[in-house]
Amino acid sequence: MSDSQTSPQTANTKTPGKRRRVMLIIAGIFLVLGTVLLLRWLLVSRYYEETDNAYVQGNVVQITPQIAGTVVAIHVDDTDLVKAGQLLVNLDPADTKVAVAQAEAQLAQTVREVRTLYTSHRQIDATLSQRQVELTRAEDDLVQRRKQAEAGTISKEELRHAEASVNAARAAVNAAREQLSSGTALIEGTGVREHPNVKRAAGHLAELLLAMQRTALLAPVNGQIAKRNVQLGQRVNPGAPLMAVIPLDQLWVDANFKETQLRKMRVGQSVTLYSDLYGSAVKYDGKIIGMGAGTGAAFALLPAQNASGNWIKVVQRVPVRIALDARQLAEHPLRIGLSMNAEVDLHQQQGNPLGTVKEVTDYELASPSDKQAQARIDAIIAANLK
């Protein structure tokens, strides 16, 4: 009986000891975990900032006509890949061809008219010389008539006729001189090619030839077609969006970091990125090239009115622009709007915290060449100078 009575008491004294040991083990585990996490933060985590609020961005190059016209051919569709200079859309060139033909005829006529000005100027110059000779002859005749009148060998009427002849000859010289001066003002200091009338007609023809070139809409950059909304037979006006070309080799990432994460971020810091499209199997190496000028809320369509009485502080986010490695982008293409995970390495602290690094890539739209138009104009002028 004594053994059975002492067993429960022994068990009761052992239970608190077991519980104490379990609690100590759990506390030790938490202590070790806390120490590991603290060491990880001190050695690793405090040098990195990450966010999954990041998205792929890129240029959306709108294809818009520069002249009005009717669409007669469409050579691409959505998702097609195109090269810079590839033909996308044709507008009806019929009206422009008629206008070009009229402008060419007008240029030819203007060249001939200007040639006539130079010929007329030479004729007037010769006429002036002739009138001056006639005036000299009339003046000499008048001198002789006056001598004869003094001698009484001719009548006063003949003398008056001689004086009238001199006055008429002098008036003819003055008229010829005025015509010569007027003609000189029209051609002085210029040749036929440089004459203002010829240049005006040539400029009008060049404008129409340029409009002829613009009936063919070309791809300004390499990329993929998107947002095609133009249809055959559609009448389009200048500036109307027909489609867009997305240059997929010029993408970047906008990562929206909290304002509390930006304290140690600098331009030039390296960034590790992962896309939800490929998962963690594909890693992109990026670089910070700039930070936004304001928060997303500041540039929103309806900015927050923080002066209201029910204000609640919300942590703001600032877009950080991250350049992608071109080689990695070519190996694993991305699309605009895809989600990304970004982790910034904060070890490097020498960069500008707010500035922007100028990228090597410049965006420039090639203008239509005017060499063919100029050659056509020169040919018309040369043909009508013969």
Protein backbone atom coordinates (compact mmCIF):
# COMPACT_ATOMS: atom_id res chain seq x y z
CA MET A 1 0.00 0.00 0.00
CA SER A 2 2.86 2.40 0.72
CA ASP A 3 4.32 1.97 -2.80
CA SER A 4 1.01 2.70 -4.48
CA GLN A 5 0.54 5.81 -2.43
CA THR A 6 3.99 7.31 -3.24
CA SER A 7 3.86 6.75 -7.06
CA PRO A 8 1.41 9.55 -7.89
CA GLN A 9 3.35 11.98 -5.74
CA THR A 10 6.59 11.14 -7.56
CA ALA A 11 4.89 11.58 -10.91
CA ASN A 12 3.55 14.98 -9.85
CA THR A 13 7.04 16.15 -8.82
CA LYS A 14 8.51 15.04 -12.18
CA THR A 15 5.90 16.79 -14.34
CA PRO A 16 6.99 20.42 -13.57
CA GLY A 17 10.58 19.46 -14.28
CA LYS A 18 9.68 18.10 -17.71
CA ARG A 19 7.60 21.18 -18.48
CA ARG A 20 10.50 23.41 -17.44
CA ARG A 21 12.89 21.56 -19.70
CA VAL A 22 10.49 21.82 -22.66
CA MET A 23 10.02 25.54 -22.11
CA LEU A 24 13.78 26.03 -21.89
CA ILE A 25 14.25 24.10 -25.13
CA ILE A 26 11.58 26.18 -26.89
CA ALA A 27 13.07 29.40 -25.51
CA GLY A 28 16.50 28.25 -26.68
CA ILE A 29 15.17 27.53 -30.15
CA PHE A 30 13.59 30.97 -30.34
CA LEU A 31 16.78 32.54 -29.02
CA VAL A 32 18.88 30.75 -31.62
CA LEU A 33 16.38 31.71 -34.34
CA GLY A 34 16.42 35.32 -33.22
CA THR A 35 20.20 35.33 -33.14
CA VAL A 36 20.39 33.83 -36.64
CA LEU A 37 17.89 36.34 -37.97
CA LEU A 38 19.75 39.20 -36.28
CA LEU A 39 23.05 38.04 -37.70
CA ARG A 40 21.46 37.60 -41.12
CA TRP A 41 20.10 41.15 -40.99
CA LEU A 42 23.42 42.57 -39.77
CA LEU A 43 25.51 40.72 -42.34
CA VAL A 44 23.16 40.40 -45.34
CA SER A 45 19.59 41.72 -45.25
CA ARG A 46 20.35 45.33 -44.34
CA TYR A 47 22.35 45.63 -47.54
CA TYR A 48 19.40 44.69 -49.76
CA GLU A 49 15.99 46.14 -50.49
CA GLU A 50 13.40 44.19 -52.44
CA THR A 51 9.91 44.59 -53.81
CA ASP A 52 7.48 42.66 -55.95
CA ASN A 53 5.73 45.89 -56.97
CA ALA A 54 7.75 46.14 -60.19
CA TYR A 55 6.65 46.03 -63.82
CA VAL A 56 8.28 45.93 -67.24
CA GLN A 57 7.99 49.21 -69.15
CA GLY A 58 8.92 50.25 -72.69
CA ASN A 59 8.33 52.75 -75.45
CA VAL A 60 5.04 52.58 -77.34
CA VAL A 61 5.82 54.07 -80.75
CA GLN A 62 2.57 55.25 -82.31
CA ILE A 63 2.26 54.97 -86.09
CA THR A 64 0.37 58.03 -87.31
CA PRO A 65 0.00 59.44 -90.84
CA GLN A 66 1.36 62.89 -91.64
CA ILE A 67 -1.12 63.44 -94.46
CA ALA A 68 -4.79 62.65 -94.95
CA GLY A 69 -5.64 59.70 -97.16
CA THR A 70 -7.51 56.46 -97.72
CA VAL A 71 -5.90 53.20 -96.60
CA VAL A 72 -5.39 50.92 -99.62
CA ALA A 73 -3.02 48.30 -98.14
CA ILE A 74 -2.07 46.98 -94.69
CA HIS A 75 1.02 44.79 -94.59
CA VAL A 76 1.18 43.79 -90.88
CA ASP A 77 -1.06 42.64 -88.07
CA ASP A 78 -0.91 42.47 -84.29
CA THR A 79 1.99 40.40 -82.85
CA ASP A 80 4.03 40.67 -86.10
CA LEU A 81 7.72 41.44 -85.69
CA VAL A 82 8.96 44.22 -87.97
CA LYS A 83 12.28 45.82 -88.85
CA ALA A 84 12.97 49.55 -89.00
CA GLY A 85 12.05 50.83 -92.46
CA GLN A 86 9.61 47.99 -93.18
CA LEU A 87 6.41 48.99 -95.00
CA LEU A 88 3.37 48.96 -92.72
CA VAL A 89 0.52 50.81 -94.44
CA ASN A 90 -0.12 52.35 -97.88
CA LEU A 91 -2.37 55.36 -98.41
CA ASP A 92 -4.01 56.06 -101.77
CA PRO A 93 -1.45 58.12 -103.79
CA ALA A 94 -3.78 59.02 -106.72
CA ASP A 95 -4.56 62.60 -105.64
CA THR A 96 -0.94 63.26 -104.75
CA LYS A 97 0.24 61.97 -108.14
CA VAL A 98 -2.08 64.40 -109.92
CA ALA A 99 -0.85 67.26 -107.76
CA VAL A 100 2.79 66.27 -108.42
CA ALA A 101 2.19 66.27 -112.18
CA GLN A 102 0.64 69.74 -111.99
CA ALA A 103 3.53 71.02 -109.85
CA GLU A 104 6.07 69.62 -112.32
CA ALA A 105 4.31 71.41 -115.20
CA GLN A 106 4.21 74.61 -113.15
CA LEU A 107 7.94 74.37 -112.43
CA ALA A 108 8.72 73.86 -116.12
CA GLN A 109 6.54 76.84 -117.06
CA THR A 110 8.16 79.01 -114.37
CA VAL A 111 11.65 78.17 -115.64
CA ARG A 112 10.64 79.19 -119.17
CA GLU A 113 9.06 82.41 -117.89
CA VAL A 114 12.22 83.30 -115.98
CA ARG A 115 14.30 82.56 -119.07
CA THR A 116 12.02 85.00 -120.90
CA LEU A 117 12.80 87.63 -118.26
CA TYR A 118 16.52 87.33 -118.94
CA THR A 119 15.95 87.44 -122.72
CA SER A 120 13.67 90.46 -122.39
CA HIS A 121 16.26 92.17 -120.22
CA ARG A 122 18.88 91.79 -122.93
CA GLN A 123 16.43 93.07 -125.53
CA ILE A 124 15.59 96.14 -123.43
CA ASP A 125 19.30 96.79 -122.96
CA ALA A 126 19.79 96.72 -126.74
CA THR A 127 16.74 98.94 -127.20
CA LEU A 128 18.16 101.46 -124.73
CA SER A 129 21.41 101.58 -126.70
CA GLN A 130 19.42 102.15 -129.90
CA ARG A 131 17.35 104.93 -128.30
CA GLN A 132 20.49 106.61 -127.04
CA VAL A 133 21.95 106.55 -130.58
CA GLU A 134 18.72 108.03 -131.93
CA LEU A 135 18.83 110.75 -129.26
CA THR A 136 22.40 111.61 -130.16
CA ARG A 137 21.45 111.80 -133.86
CA ALA A 138 18.42 114.03 -133.06
CA GLU A 139 20.53 116.32 -130.90
CA ASP A 140 23.16 116.64 -133.63
CA ASP A 141 20.41 117.36 -136.16
CA LEU A 142 18.95 120.01 -133.85
CA VAL A 143 22.32 121.74 -133.60
CA GLN A 144 22.55 121.87 -137.40
CA ARG A 145 18.96 123.11 -137.70
CA ARG A 146 19.62 125.94 -135.28
CA LYS A 147 22.65 127.06 -137.28
CA GLN A 148 20.61 126.94 -140.45
CA ALA A 149 17.76 128.86 -138.80
CA GLU A 150 20.19 131.58 -137.72
CA ALA A 151 21.41 131.74 -141.32
CA GLY A 152 17.81 131.91 -142.52
CA THR A 153 18.10 128.87 -144.75
CA ILE A 154 15.27 126.91 -143.01
CA SER A 155 11.96 127.88 -141.58
CA LYS A 156 11.07 128.07 -137.89
CA GLU A 157 8.65 125.19 -138.39
CA GLU A 158 11.47 122.86 -139.39
CA LEU A 159 13.40 123.97 -136.31
CA ARG A 160 10.40 123.15 -134.10
CA HIS A 161 10.19 119.70 -135.74
CA ALA A 162 13.85 119.10 -134.93
CA GLU A 163 13.31 120.14 -131.29
CA ALA A 164 10.26 117.85 -131.08
CA SER A 165 12.35 114.97 -132.46
CA VAL A 166 14.95 115.54 -129.71
CA ASN A 167 12.27 115.57 -127.02
CA ALA A 168 10.72 112.38 -128.38
CA ALA A 169 14.10 110.66 -128.55
CA ARG A 170 14.90 111.75 -124.99
CA ALA A 171 11.52 110.41 -123.76
CA ALA A 172 12.19 107.12 -125.57
CA VAL A 173 15.57 106.85 -123.84
CA ASN A 174 13.99 107.52 -120.44
CA ALA A 175 11.28 104.89 -121.06
CA ALA A 176 13.85 102.32 -122.15
CA ARG A 177 15.97 103.12 -119.09
CA GLU A 178 12.96 102.62 -116.77
CA GLN A 179 12.13 99.29 -118.43
CA LEU A 180 15.74 98.21 -118.04
CA SER A 181 15.72 99.20 -114.36
CA SER A 182 12.47 97.28 -113.79
CA GLY A 183 13.82 94.19 -115.53
CA THR A 184 17.07 94.41 -113.58
CA ALA A 185 15.14 94.41 -110.29
CA LEU A 186 13.52 91.10 -111.29
CA ILE A 187 16.75 89.25 -112.17
CA GLU A 188 19.57 91.13 -110.45
CA GLY A 189 21.96 88.91 -108.47
CA THR A 190 20.33 85.61 -109.46
CA GLY A 191 20.47 82.98 -112.16
CA VAL A 192 17.56 81.02 -113.50
CA ARG A 193 18.00 78.23 -110.94
CA GLU A 194 18.24 80.67 -108.02
CA HIS A 195 15.40 82.93 -109.13
CA PRO A 196 12.69 83.29 -106.44
CA ASN A 197 9.92 82.23 -108.81
CA VAL A 198 11.79 79.06 -109.74
CA LYS A 199 12.59 78.34 -106.09
CA ARG A 200 8.95 78.82 -105.11
CA ALA A 201 7.76 76.41 -107.79
CA ALA A 202 10.52 73.93 -106.87
CA GLY A 203 9.58 74.15 -103.18
CA HIS A 204 5.94 73.42 -103.97
CA LEU A 205 6.99 70.38 -106.04
CA ALA A 206 9.32 69.19 -103.24
CA GLU A 207 6.43 69.49 -100.75
CA LEU A 208 4.21 67.31 -102.94
CA LEU A 209 6.98 64.78 -103.56
CA LEU A 210 7.43 64.57 -99.78
CA ALA A 211 3.68 64.01 -99.42
CA MET A 212 4.00 61.23 -102.02
CA GLN A 213 6.65 59.54 -99.88
CA ARG A 214 4.40 59.87 -96.85
CA THR A 215 1.67 57.77 -98.48
CA ALA A 216 3.87 54.82 -97.46
CA LEU A 217 4.05 54.45 -93.66
CA LEU A 218 7.25 52.73 -92.54
CA ALA A 219 8.26 51.21 -89.21
CA PRO A 220 10.49 53.72 -87.39
CA VAL A 221 12.09 51.08 -85.11
CA ASN A 222 12.51 47.34 -84.74
CA GLY A 223 9.73 45.86 -82.67
CA GLN A 224 6.41 44.09 -82.43
CA ILE A 225 3.10 45.37 -83.76
CA ALA A 226 0.40 46.09 -81.18
CA LYS A 227 -2.92 47.96 -80.96
CA ARG A 228 -3.63 47.79 -84.69
CA ASN A 229 -6.97 49.47 -85.29
CA VAL A 230 -6.71 50.63 -88.92
CA GLN A 231 -8.86 48.97 -91.58
CA LEU A 232 -8.80 48.83 -95.37
CA GLY A 233 -10.71 51.68 -97.01
CA GLN A 234 -10.59 53.79 -93.86
CA ARG A 235 -10.15 57.53 -94.38
CA VAL A 236 -7.48 58.69 -91.94
CA ASN A 237 -6.45 62.18 -90.90
CA PRO A 238 -2.99 63.41 -89.91
CA GLY A 239 -2.09 62.31 -86.39
CA ALA A 240 -4.70 59.51 -86.17
CA PRO A 241 -3.20 56.47 -84.35
CA LEU A 242 -3.20 53.47 -86.69
CA MET A 243 -1.08 51.01 -84.69
CA ALA A 244 1.91 50.89 -82.38
CA VAL A 245 5.37 49.38 -82.62
CA ILE A 246 6.89 48.15 -79.35
CA PRO A 247 10.72 47.95 -79.43
CA LEU A 248 11.16 44.87 -77.25
CA ASP A 249 14.94 45.32 -77.16
CA GLN A 250 14.62 48.63 -75.32
CA LEU A 251 12.65 47.62 -72.23
CA TRP A 252 13.29 48.62 -68.64
CA VAL A 253 11.70 47.98 -65.22
CA ASP A 254 9.92 50.47 -63.00
CA ALA A 255 10.18 49.17 -59.43
CA ASN A 256 7.95 50.98 -56.93
CA PHE A 257 9.81 51.06 -53.61
CA LYS A 258 8.45 52.45 -50.37
CA GLU A 259 9.84 55.80 -49.36
CA THR A 260 11.43 54.15 -46.32
CA GLN A 261 13.42 51.86 -48.63
CA LEU A 262 15.03 54.67 -50.65
CA ARG A 263 17.38 55.99 -47.97
CA LYS A 264 20.45 54.11 -49.19
CA MET A 265 19.56 53.65 -52.84
CA ARG A 266 21.94 55.19 -55.34
CA VAL A 267 22.12 55.47 -59.11
CA GLY A 268 24.36 52.71 -60.48
CA GLN A 269 23.56 50.09 -57.84
CA SER A 270 23.11 46.57 -59.19
CA VAL A 271 19.70 44.90 -59.10
CA THR A 272 18.69 41.26 -59.33
CA LEU A 273 15.35 40.69 -61.02
CA TYR A 274 13.05 37.75 -61.56
CA SER A 275 10.05 37.66 -63.84
CA ASP A 276 6.81 35.90 -63.00
CA LEU A 277 6.84 34.74 -66.63
CA TYR A 278 9.96 32.57 -66.19
CA GLY A 279 10.07 32.19 -62.41
CA SER A 280 13.24 31.91 -60.35
CA ALA A 281 14.95 29.81 -63.03
CA VAL A 282 15.79 32.96 -65.03
CA LYS A 283 17.66 35.82 -63.39
CA TYR A 284 18.12 39.29 -64.88
CA ASP A 285 20.99 41.57 -63.92
CA GLY A 286 19.87 45.18 -63.80
CA LYS A 287 21.19 48.57 -62.78
CA ILE A 288 19.48 51.61 -61.27
CA ILE A 289 19.60 54.46 -63.78
CA GLY A 290 17.23 56.91 -62.14
CA MET A 291 14.48 57.60 -59.66
CA GLY A 292 11.14 59.19 -60.32
CA ALA A 293 10.62 62.90 -59.73
CA GLY A 294 7.64 62.19 -57.48
CA THR A 295 5.53 59.49 -55.91
CA GLY A 296 2.90 57.58 -57.80
CA ALA A 297 0.17 59.38 -55.86
CA ALA A 298 1.52 62.79 -56.87
CA PHE A 299 1.20 61.96 -60.58
CA ALA A 300 -2.10 60.12 -60.30
CA LEU A 301 -5.09 61.23 -62.34
CA LEU A 302 -6.81 62.20 -59.08
CA PRO A 303 -4.08 63.18 -56.58
CA ALA A 304 -4.83 62.69 -52.90
CA GLN A 305 -6.03 65.79 -51.03
CA ASN A 306 -4.08 65.44 -47.79
CA ALA A 307 -5.36 68.76 -46.45
CA SER A 308 -8.73 67.19 -45.70
CA GLY A 309 -9.71 66.57 -42.07
CA ASN A 310 -9.83 62.76 -42.33
CA TRP A 311 -6.17 62.41 -43.31
CA ILE A 312 -4.52 59.06 -42.73
CA LYS A 313 -0.80 58.65 -43.37
CA VAL A 314 -0.03 56.12 -46.10
CA VAL A 315 3.49 55.06 -46.95
CA GLN A 316 4.19 56.35 -50.46
CA ARG A 317 6.04 54.59 -53.25
CA VAL A 318 8.51 56.11 -55.72
CA PRO A 319 9.24 54.49 -59.10
CA VAL A 320 12.89 53.49 -59.54
CA ARG A 321 13.99 52.95 -63.13
CA ILE A 322 16.13 49.85 -63.68
CA ALA A 323 17.97 49.10 -66.92
CA LEU A 324 18.04 45.49 -68.11
CA ASP A 325 20.98 43.63 -69.61
CA ALA A 326 20.46 43.59 -73.39
CA ARG A 327 21.95 40.11 -73.81
CA GLN A 328 19.74 38.58 -71.14
CA LEU A 329 16.73 40.39 -72.58
CA ALA A 330 17.46 38.90 -76.01
CA GLU A 331 17.78 35.39 -74.54
CA HIS A 332 14.61 35.67 -72.46
CA PRO A 333 12.29 38.28 -74.04
CA LEU A 334 9.84 40.20 -71.87
CA ARG A 335 6.64 42.09 -72.61
CA ILE A 336 5.43 45.45 -71.35
CA GLY A 337 3.42 45.19 -68.13
CA LEU A 338 4.85 41.89 -66.88
CA SER A 339 5.40 41.60 -63.11
CA MET A 340 8.95 41.49 -61.76
CA ASN A 341 10.62 40.92 -58.42
CA ALA A 342 13.51 43.31 -57.80
CA GLU A 343 16.26 43.13 -55.18
CA VAL A 344 18.69 46.07 -54.93
CA ASP A 345 22.24 45.59 -53.64
CA LEU A 346 23.01 48.59 -51.39
CA HIS A 347 26.73 47.94 -50.87
CA GLN A 348 27.79 50.59 -53.38
CA GLN A 349 27.05 54.07 -51.98
CA GLN A 350 28.97 56.39 -54.32
CA GLY A 351 26.19 57.16 -56.82
CA ASN A 352 23.77 60.06 -56.98
CA PRO A 353 20.66 59.31 -54.90
CA LEU A 354 18.30 61.34 -57.08
CA GLY A 355 19.92 61.92 -60.48
CA THR A 356 19.62 60.05 -63.74
CA VAL A 357 22.34 58.39 -65.79
CA LYS A 358 22.18 59.22 -69.51
CA GLU A 359 21.84 55.99 -71.41
CA VAL A 360 23.81 55.45 -74.62
CA THR A 361 20.68 54.67 -76.62
CA ASP A 362 19.10 57.68 -78.32
CA TYR A 363 15.71 57.65 -79.99
CA GLU A 364 15.63 59.31 -83.37
CA LEU A 365 13.17 59.06 -86.22
CA ALA A 366 14.79 58.97 -89.64
CA SER A 367 13.39 61.62 -91.98
CA PRO A 368 12.49 60.76 -95.56
CA SER A 369 15.38 61.36 -97.94
CA ASP A 370 15.00 64.41 -100.20
CA LYS A 371 17.78 63.38 -102.60
CA GLN A 372 15.38 61.81 -105.09
CA ALA A 373 13.08 64.84 -104.97
CA GLN A 374 16.01 67.22 -105.52
CA ALA A 375 17.28 65.12 -108.43
CA ARG A 376 13.82 65.22 -110.01
CA ILE A 377 13.61 69.00 -109.60
CA ASP A 378 17.11 69.50 -111.07
CA ALA A 379 16.19 67.36 -114.08
CA ILE A 380 13.07 69.45 -114.80
CA ILE A 381 14.99 72.72 -114.52
CA ALA A 382 17.81 71.45 -116.74
CA ALA A 383 15.35 70.24 -119.40
CA ASN A 384 13.70 73.65 -119.61
CA LEU A 385 16.91 75.67 -119.66
CA LYS A 386 17.86 74.39 -123.11
